[in-house]
């Protein structure tokens, strides 16, 4: 709804009030600075990650080196005991991309604290950071075996 009204009000904010349009560099800078702040909240980190992801999904900033974001403590990670901490990418955590794996491992390993639908939306962000190897579907192997004697009953 706001999107529809924005076009009518854009001239007022941008031209008259000189409010700049949000850019990839602005959001990247905010996320980077959040990582060095001790006052950052999990919800603010998540919102900023989602905003950066929206630029990456459009192709903006894909050639920017993500090193500073990887080093920043901005990744909301749910610990096995249930608490959520903001950590940097050097800390071990998995990315839950399958419901059954998330349920099976939530009390055993640290996982990125986003819903499964958000994880799907964050694909451009996670690809840009080269964190795809942390998807549970990549790190977990599922198998089935048939007992030989079960075939002859």
N, C-alpha and C. Protein backbone atom coordinates (compact mmCIF):
# COMPACT_ATOMS: atom_id res chain seq x y z
N UNK A 1 0.82 -1.19 0.00
CA UNK A 1 0.00 0.00 0.00
C UNK A 1 0.87 1.26 0.00
N UNK A 2 1.89 1.27 0.83
CA UNK A 2 2.79 2.42 0.88
C UNK A 2 3.50 2.61 -0.45
N UNK A 3 3.81 1.50 -1.11
CA UNK A 3 4.46 1.54 -2.42
C UNK A 3 3.65 2.38 -3.40
N UNK A 4 2.33 2.21 -3.39
CA UNK A 4 1.46 2.96 -4.30
C UNK A 4 1.45 4.45 -3.96
N UNK A 5 1.46 4.77 -2.69
CA UNK A 5 1.43 6.17 -2.27
C UNK A 5 2.80 6.84 -2.41
N UNK A 6 3.87 6.06 -2.37
CA UNK A 6 5.21 6.61 -2.43
C UNK A 6 5.43 7.44 -3.69
N UNK A 7 4.94 6.94 -4.81
CA UNK A 7 5.15 7.66 -6.08
C UNK A 7 4.55 9.05 -6.03
N UNK A 8 3.42 9.20 -5.35
CA UNK A 8 2.78 10.52 -5.21
C UNK A 8 3.55 11.42 -4.26
N UNK A 9 4.21 10.83 -3.27
CA UNK A 9 4.88 11.62 -2.24
C UNK A 9 6.38 11.73 -2.43
N UNK A 10 6.93 11.00 -3.39
CA UNK A 10 8.38 10.97 -3.59
C UNK A 10 8.95 12.37 -3.84
N UNK A 11 8.28 13.17 -4.64
CA UNK A 11 8.77 14.52 -4.93
C UNK A 11 8.88 15.36 -3.65
N UNK A 12 7.92 15.19 -2.75
CA UNK A 12 7.95 15.97 -1.50
C UNK A 12 9.16 15.57 -0.67
N UNK A 13 9.36 14.27 -0.47
CA UNK A 13 10.45 13.81 0.38
C UNK A 13 11.82 14.01 -0.26
N UNK A 14 11.96 13.64 -1.51
CA UNK A 14 13.27 13.67 -2.16
C UNK A 14 13.64 15.08 -2.61
N UNK A 15 12.74 15.75 -3.31
CA UNK A 15 13.07 17.07 -3.86
C UNK A 15 12.94 18.20 -2.84
N UNK A 16 11.83 18.23 -2.13
CA UNK A 16 11.58 19.33 -1.21
C UNK A 16 12.32 19.16 0.12
N UNK A 17 12.21 17.99 0.71
CA UNK A 17 12.82 17.75 2.03
C UNK A 17 14.24 17.17 1.95
N UNK A 18 14.68 16.82 0.75
CA UNK A 18 16.03 16.29 0.51
C UNK A 18 16.32 15.01 1.31
N UNK A 19 15.31 14.16 1.44
CA UNK A 19 15.50 12.85 2.06
C UNK A 19 16.02 11.93 0.96
N UNK A 20 17.21 11.37 1.14
CA UNK A 20 17.78 10.55 0.06
C UNK A 20 17.05 9.21 -0.08
N UNK A 21 17.02 8.71 -1.30
CA UNK A 21 16.51 7.36 -1.53
C UNK A 21 17.48 6.37 -0.93
N UNK A 22 16.95 5.29 -0.40
CA UNK A 22 17.78 4.25 0.18
C UNK A 22 18.60 3.57 -0.92
N UNK A 23 19.87 3.33 -0.66
CA UNK A 23 20.75 2.68 -1.63
C UNK A 23 21.40 1.45 -1.00
N UNK A 24 21.96 0.62 -1.86
CA UNK A 24 22.70 -0.55 -1.38
C UNK A 24 23.81 -0.12 -0.42
N UNK A 25 24.57 0.89 -0.81
CA UNK A 25 25.70 1.33 0.02
C UNK A 25 25.25 1.80 1.40
N UNK A 26 24.08 2.45 1.46
CA UNK A 26 23.57 2.91 2.75
C UNK A 26 23.23 1.73 3.66
N UNK A 27 22.56 0.72 3.11
CA UNK A 27 22.16 -0.44 3.90
C UNK A 27 23.38 -1.28 4.27
N UNK A 28 24.30 -1.45 3.32
CA UNK A 28 25.55 -2.17 3.59
C UNK A 28 26.29 -1.49 4.75
N UNK A 29 26.41 -0.18 4.68
CA UNK A 29 27.10 0.58 5.74
C UNK A 29 26.41 0.43 7.08
N UNK A 30 25.07 0.44 7.07
CA UNK A 30 24.34 0.29 8.34
C UNK A 30 24.58 -1.10 8.92
N UNK A 31 24.49 -2.14 8.08
CA UNK A 31 24.70 -3.50 8.59
C UNK A 31 26.12 -3.66 9.12
N UNK A 32 27.06 -3.12 8.41
CA UNK A 32 28.47 -3.18 8.85
C UNK A 32 28.65 -2.48 10.20
N UNK A 33 28.05 -1.32 10.36
CA UNK A 33 28.20 -0.58 11.62
C UNK A 33 27.43 -1.25 12.76
N UNK A 34 26.31 -1.90 12.44
CA UNK A 34 25.57 -2.63 13.48
C UNK A 34 26.44 -3.73 14.08
N UNK A 35 27.28 -4.32 13.26
CA UNK A 35 28.13 -5.42 13.72
C UNK A 35 29.16 -5.01 14.74
N UNK A 36 29.45 -3.72 14.81
CA UNK A 36 30.43 -3.26 15.79
C UNK A 36 29.77 -2.57 16.98
N UNK A 37 28.44 -2.59 17.01
CA UNK A 37 27.70 -1.94 18.09
C UNK A 37 27.28 -2.97 19.13
N UNK A 38 27.41 -2.61 20.38
CA UNK A 38 26.97 -3.52 21.45
C UNK A 38 25.48 -3.34 21.75
N UNK A 39 24.87 -2.31 21.18
CA UNK A 39 23.47 -2.00 21.45
C UNK A 39 22.51 -2.55 20.39
N UNK A 40 23.00 -3.32 19.46
CA UNK A 40 22.17 -3.83 18.37
C UNK A 40 21.17 -4.87 18.87
N UNK A 41 19.97 -4.81 18.32
CA UNK A 41 18.96 -5.80 18.64
C UNK A 41 18.84 -6.81 17.51
N UNK A 42 18.37 -7.99 17.84
CA UNK A 42 18.21 -9.05 16.86
C UNK A 42 17.23 -8.61 15.76
N UNK A 43 16.12 -7.98 16.14
CA UNK A 43 15.14 -7.57 15.13
C UNK A 43 15.72 -6.53 14.18
N UNK A 44 16.54 -5.61 14.68
CA UNK A 44 17.16 -4.61 13.81
C UNK A 44 18.14 -5.26 12.84
N UNK A 45 18.90 -6.24 13.31
CA UNK A 45 19.83 -6.96 12.44
C UNK A 45 19.05 -7.69 11.35
N UNK A 46 17.96 -8.36 11.72
CA UNK A 46 17.15 -9.09 10.75
C UNK A 46 16.55 -8.15 9.70
N UNK A 47 16.01 -7.03 10.14
CA UNK A 47 15.42 -6.06 9.21
C UNK A 47 16.46 -5.52 8.24
N UNK A 48 17.64 -5.26 8.73
CA UNK A 48 18.70 -4.72 7.88
C UNK A 48 19.20 -5.78 6.90
N UNK A 49 19.29 -7.02 7.34
CA UNK A 49 19.67 -8.11 6.44
C UNK A 49 18.63 -8.25 5.34
N UNK A 50 17.35 -8.20 5.70
CA UNK A 50 16.27 -8.30 4.70
C UNK A 50 16.34 -7.14 3.71
N UNK A 51 16.64 -5.94 4.20
CA UNK A 51 16.75 -4.78 3.31
C UNK A 51 17.92 -4.95 2.34
N UNK A 52 19.05 -5.40 2.85
CA UNK A 52 20.22 -5.62 1.98
C UNK A 52 19.91 -6.70 0.95
N UNK A 53 19.22 -7.72 1.39
CA UNK A 53 18.83 -8.81 0.49
C UNK A 53 17.96 -8.29 -0.66
N UNK A 54 17.08 -7.35 -0.39
CA UNK A 54 16.21 -6.83 -1.45
C UNK A 54 17.03 -6.14 -2.54
N UNK A 55 18.10 -5.47 -2.17
CA UNK A 55 18.98 -4.86 -3.17
C UNK A 55 19.74 -5.94 -3.95
N UNK A 56 20.24 -6.95 -3.24
CA UNK A 56 20.97 -8.02 -3.91
C UNK A 56 20.06 -8.80 -4.86
N UNK A 57 18.80 -8.96 -4.50
CA UNK A 57 17.85 -9.67 -5.36
C UNK A 57 17.63 -8.92 -6.67
N UNK A 58 17.77 -7.60 -6.64
CA UNK A 58 17.64 -6.79 -7.86
C UNK A 58 18.94 -6.70 -8.63
N UNK A 59 20.01 -7.23 -8.06
CA UNK A 59 21.31 -7.19 -8.73
C UNK A 59 22.22 -6.09 -8.24
N UNK A 60 21.73 -5.22 -7.34
CA UNK A 60 22.56 -4.14 -6.80
C UNK A 60 23.58 -4.71 -5.82
N UNK A 61 24.82 -4.29 -5.93
CA UNK A 61 25.85 -4.64 -4.96
C UNK A 61 26.41 -6.04 -5.06
N UNK A 62 26.01 -6.81 -6.05
CA UNK A 62 26.48 -8.19 -6.13
C UNK A 62 27.98 -8.30 -6.33
N UNK A 63 28.61 -7.24 -6.80
CA UNK A 63 30.06 -7.28 -7.02
C UNK A 63 30.82 -6.66 -5.86
N UNK A 64 30.10 -6.25 -4.82
CA UNK A 64 30.74 -5.71 -3.62
C UNK A 64 31.29 -6.86 -2.80
N UNK A 65 32.49 -6.70 -2.28
CA UNK A 65 33.10 -7.73 -1.45
C UNK A 65 32.35 -7.82 -0.12
N UNK A 66 31.85 -9.00 0.26
CA UNK A 66 31.08 -9.14 1.50
C UNK A 66 31.93 -9.33 2.76
N UNK A 67 33.23 -9.22 2.64
CA UNK A 67 34.15 -9.50 3.74
C UNK A 67 33.75 -8.78 5.04
N UNK A 68 33.41 -7.50 4.95
CA UNK A 68 33.09 -6.74 6.17
C UNK A 68 31.82 -7.26 6.84
N UNK A 69 30.86 -7.71 6.05
CA UNK A 69 29.62 -8.25 6.62
C UNK A 69 29.90 -9.61 7.27
N UNK A 70 30.71 -10.42 6.62
CA UNK A 70 31.06 -11.73 7.18
C UNK A 70 31.77 -11.59 8.53
N UNK A 71 32.53 -10.53 8.70
CA UNK A 71 33.28 -10.31 9.95
C UNK A 71 32.43 -9.64 11.03
N UNK A 72 31.29 -9.08 10.64
CA UNK A 72 30.45 -8.34 11.58
C UNK A 72 29.54 -9.30 12.35
N UNK A 73 29.30 -9.00 13.59
CA UNK A 73 28.41 -9.82 14.43
C UNK A 73 26.96 -9.39 14.19
N UNK A 74 26.43 -9.81 13.04
CA UNK A 74 25.07 -9.42 12.64
C UNK A 74 24.18 -10.62 12.31
N UNK A 75 24.71 -11.83 12.42
CA UNK A 75 23.94 -13.01 12.06
C UNK A 75 23.19 -13.53 13.29
N UNK A 76 21.86 -13.45 13.28
CA UNK A 76 21.09 -13.95 14.43
C UNK A 76 21.10 -15.48 14.43
N UNK A 77 21.70 -16.05 15.44
CA UNK A 77 21.87 -17.50 15.50
C UNK A 77 21.22 -18.03 16.78
N UNK A 78 20.30 -18.98 16.60
CA UNK A 78 19.64 -19.62 17.73
C UNK A 78 20.52 -20.76 18.22
N UNK A 79 20.87 -20.68 19.50
CA UNK A 79 21.70 -21.70 20.12
C UNK A 79 20.83 -22.90 20.50
N UNK A 80 21.41 -24.07 20.71
CA UNK A 80 20.62 -25.26 21.05
C UNK A 80 19.72 -25.08 22.28
N UNK A 81 20.15 -24.28 23.24
CA UNK A 81 19.34 -24.06 24.43
C UNK A 81 18.23 -23.04 24.20
N UNK A 82 18.18 -22.41 23.00
CA UNK A 82 17.07 -21.53 22.65
C UNK A 82 17.38 -20.04 22.59
N UNK A 83 18.48 -19.60 23.17
CA UNK A 83 18.80 -18.17 23.13
C UNK A 83 19.30 -17.79 21.73
N UNK A 84 19.08 -16.52 21.37
CA UNK A 84 19.54 -16.02 20.07
C UNK A 84 20.64 -15.01 20.31
N UNK A 85 21.76 -15.23 19.62
CA UNK A 85 22.92 -14.32 19.73
C UNK A 85 23.29 -13.84 18.34
N UNK A 86 23.82 -12.64 18.26
CA UNK A 86 24.36 -12.12 17.01
C UNK A 86 25.83 -12.50 16.94
N UNK A 87 26.18 -13.22 15.88
CA UNK A 87 27.55 -13.71 15.73
C UNK A 87 28.06 -13.34 14.34
N UNK A 88 29.37 -13.49 14.14
CA UNK A 88 29.93 -13.29 12.81
C UNK A 88 29.98 -14.64 12.09
N UNK A 89 30.30 -14.59 10.83
CA UNK A 89 30.25 -15.81 10.01
C UNK A 89 31.37 -16.80 10.32
N UNK A 90 32.35 -16.41 11.11
CA UNK A 90 33.40 -17.38 11.47
C UNK A 90 32.90 -18.36 12.53
N UNK A 91 31.80 -18.04 13.17
CA UNK A 91 31.20 -18.94 14.15
C UNK A 91 30.43 -20.04 13.42
N UNK A 92 30.47 -21.26 13.93
CA UNK A 92 29.76 -22.35 13.26
C UNK A 92 28.24 -22.24 13.48
N UNK A 93 27.49 -22.23 12.39
CA UNK A 93 26.03 -22.30 12.47
C UNK A 93 25.52 -22.87 11.15
N UNK A 94 24.39 -23.54 11.24
CA UNK A 94 23.76 -24.12 10.05
C UNK A 94 22.62 -23.21 9.60
N UNK A 95 22.19 -23.41 8.37
CA UNK A 95 21.07 -22.65 7.82
C UNK A 95 19.93 -23.65 7.57
N UNK A 96 18.85 -23.51 8.33
CA UNK A 96 17.74 -24.46 8.19
C UNK A 96 16.94 -24.19 6.92
N UNK A 97 16.98 -25.13 5.99
CA UNK A 97 16.24 -24.96 4.74
C UNK A 97 15.23 -26.08 4.50
N UNK A 98 15.10 -26.99 5.45
CA UNK A 98 14.12 -28.07 5.37
C UNK A 98 13.48 -28.22 6.74
N UNK A 99 12.15 -28.23 6.77
CA UNK A 99 11.40 -28.30 8.03
C UNK A 99 11.80 -29.50 8.88
N UNK A 100 11.86 -30.68 8.29
CA UNK A 100 12.15 -31.88 9.08
C UNK A 100 13.57 -31.86 9.64
N UNK A 101 14.51 -31.27 8.93
CA UNK A 101 15.87 -31.19 9.45
C UNK A 101 15.96 -30.14 10.56
N UNK A 102 15.24 -29.05 10.37
CA UNK A 102 15.24 -28.03 11.42
C UNK A 102 14.69 -28.62 12.73
N UNK A 103 13.59 -29.34 12.64
CA UNK A 103 13.00 -29.97 13.83
C UNK A 103 13.96 -30.99 14.46
N UNK A 104 14.62 -31.76 13.63
CA UNK A 104 15.52 -32.81 14.13
C UNK A 104 16.75 -32.24 14.83
N UNK A 105 17.23 -31.07 14.39
CA UNK A 105 18.51 -30.56 14.91
C UNK A 105 18.40 -29.29 15.76
N UNK A 106 17.21 -28.74 15.94
CA UNK A 106 17.10 -27.45 16.63
C UNK A 106 17.65 -27.44 18.05
N UNK A 107 17.61 -28.57 18.73
CA UNK A 107 18.13 -28.65 20.11
C UNK A 107 19.55 -29.18 20.16
N UNK A 108 20.18 -29.36 18.99
CA UNK A 108 21.50 -29.98 18.95
C UNK A 108 22.59 -29.07 18.37
N UNK A 109 22.21 -28.18 17.44
CA UNK A 109 23.22 -27.33 16.78
C UNK A 109 22.72 -25.89 16.70
N UNK A 110 23.64 -24.98 16.48
CA UNK A 110 23.30 -23.57 16.29
C UNK A 110 22.81 -23.35 14.87
N UNK A 111 21.71 -22.59 14.73
CA UNK A 111 21.12 -22.34 13.41
C UNK A 111 20.75 -20.88 13.23
N UNK A 112 20.87 -20.42 12.00
CA UNK A 112 20.45 -19.07 11.65
C UNK A 112 18.98 -18.91 12.02
N UNK A 113 18.64 -17.85 12.72
CA UNK A 113 17.31 -17.67 13.29
C UNK A 113 16.39 -16.88 12.36
N UNK A 114 16.03 -17.50 11.25
CA UNK A 114 15.03 -16.96 10.34
C UNK A 114 14.05 -18.09 10.04
N UNK A 115 12.81 -17.73 9.71
CA UNK A 115 11.84 -18.74 9.32
C UNK A 115 12.27 -19.39 8.00
N UNK A 116 11.69 -20.55 7.70
CA UNK A 116 12.02 -21.22 6.45
C UNK A 116 11.67 -20.36 5.24
N UNK A 117 10.55 -19.64 5.30
CA UNK A 117 10.18 -18.77 4.18
C UNK A 117 11.17 -17.61 4.04
N UNK A 118 11.64 -17.09 5.17
CA UNK A 118 12.65 -16.02 5.12
C UNK A 118 13.96 -16.55 4.55
N UNK A 119 14.33 -17.76 4.92
CA UNK A 119 15.56 -18.37 4.38
C UNK A 119 15.47 -18.44 2.86
N UNK A 120 14.31 -18.82 2.35
CA UNK A 120 14.12 -18.88 0.89
C UNK A 120 14.28 -17.49 0.28
N UNK A 121 13.69 -16.48 0.91
CA UNK A 121 13.80 -15.10 0.41
C UNK A 121 15.23 -14.60 0.47
N UNK A 122 15.99 -15.05 1.48
CA UNK A 122 17.36 -14.57 1.70
C UNK A 122 18.39 -15.26 0.80
N UNK A 123 17.96 -16.04 -0.14
CA UNK A 123 18.89 -16.75 -1.02
C UNK A 123 19.92 -15.82 -1.68
N UNK A 124 19.52 -14.66 -2.23
CA UNK A 124 20.54 -13.78 -2.83
C UNK A 124 21.61 -13.33 -1.81
N UNK A 125 21.18 -13.03 -0.59
CA UNK A 125 22.10 -12.61 0.47
C UNK A 125 23.04 -13.75 0.84
N UNK A 126 22.50 -14.94 1.03
CA UNK A 126 23.31 -16.09 1.42
C UNK A 126 24.26 -16.53 0.31
N UNK A 127 23.84 -16.40 -0.93
CA UNK A 127 24.73 -16.70 -2.06
C UNK A 127 25.86 -15.69 -2.13
N UNK A 128 25.52 -14.42 -1.97
CA UNK A 128 26.52 -13.35 -2.02
C UNK A 128 27.60 -13.58 -0.95
N UNK A 129 27.17 -14.06 0.22
CA UNK A 129 28.11 -14.32 1.31
C UNK A 129 28.82 -15.66 1.17
N UNK A 130 28.42 -16.46 0.19
CA UNK A 130 28.97 -17.79 -0.05
C UNK A 130 28.78 -18.69 1.18
N UNK A 131 27.57 -18.66 1.73
CA UNK A 131 27.26 -19.47 2.91
C UNK A 131 26.37 -20.67 2.56
N UNK A 132 26.21 -20.97 1.31
CA UNK A 132 25.32 -22.05 0.90
C UNK A 132 25.75 -23.41 1.42
N UNK A 133 27.01 -23.59 1.71
CA UNK A 133 27.49 -24.88 2.22
C UNK A 133 26.95 -25.15 3.64
N UNK A 134 26.38 -24.14 4.27
CA UNK A 134 25.84 -24.31 5.62
C UNK A 134 24.37 -24.74 5.64
N UNK A 135 23.75 -24.84 4.47
CA UNK A 135 22.37 -25.31 4.43
C UNK A 135 22.33 -26.72 5.02
N UNK A 136 21.33 -27.00 5.84
CA UNK A 136 21.19 -28.35 6.40
C UNK A 136 21.04 -29.38 5.29
N UNK A 137 20.37 -29.03 4.21
CA UNK A 137 20.18 -29.98 3.11
C UNK A 137 21.49 -30.35 2.44
N UNK A 138 22.51 -29.52 2.60
CA UNK A 138 23.83 -29.82 2.04
C UNK A 138 24.64 -30.67 3.03
N UNK A 139 24.51 -30.37 4.30
CA UNK A 139 25.34 -31.03 5.30
C UNK A 139 24.80 -32.32 5.89
N UNK A 140 23.54 -32.62 5.61
CA UNK A 140 22.92 -33.81 6.18
C UNK A 140 22.62 -34.78 5.05
N UNK A 141 22.94 -36.02 5.27
CA UNK A 141 22.67 -37.06 4.29
C UNK A 141 21.60 -37.99 4.85
N UNK A 142 20.55 -38.17 4.07
CA UNK A 142 19.46 -39.04 4.49
C UNK A 142 19.57 -40.36 3.74
N UNK A 143 19.33 -41.44 4.43
CA UNK A 143 19.44 -42.74 3.78
C UNK A 143 18.41 -43.72 4.29
N UNK A 144 18.17 -44.71 3.50
CA UNK A 144 17.25 -45.79 3.86
C UNK A 144 17.91 -47.11 3.51
N UNK A 145 17.61 -48.13 4.30
CA UNK A 145 18.13 -49.46 4.03
C UNK A 145 17.00 -50.46 4.19
N UNK A 146 17.06 -51.47 3.39
CA UNK A 146 16.13 -52.58 3.50
C UNK A 146 16.91 -53.77 4.04
N UNK A 147 16.37 -54.37 5.09
CA UNK A 147 17.01 -55.56 5.62
C UNK A 147 16.84 -56.68 4.60
N UNK A 148 17.88 -57.43 4.31
CA UNK A 148 17.79 -58.50 3.31
C UNK A 148 16.70 -59.52 3.63
N UNK A 149 16.51 -59.84 4.93
CA UNK A 149 15.49 -60.84 5.27
C UNK A 149 14.07 -60.29 5.12
N UNK A 150 13.91 -58.97 5.06
CA UNK A 150 12.59 -58.36 4.92
C UNK A 150 12.03 -58.56 3.51
N UNK A 151 12.87 -58.82 2.54
CA UNK A 151 12.42 -59.00 1.16
C UNK A 151 11.77 -60.36 0.93
N UNK A 152 12.03 -61.32 1.80
CA UNK A 152 11.55 -62.69 1.56
C UNK A 152 10.47 -63.13 2.53
N UNK A 153 9.72 -62.27 3.04
CA UNK A 153 8.65 -62.64 4.00
C UNK A 153 7.38 -62.94 3.30
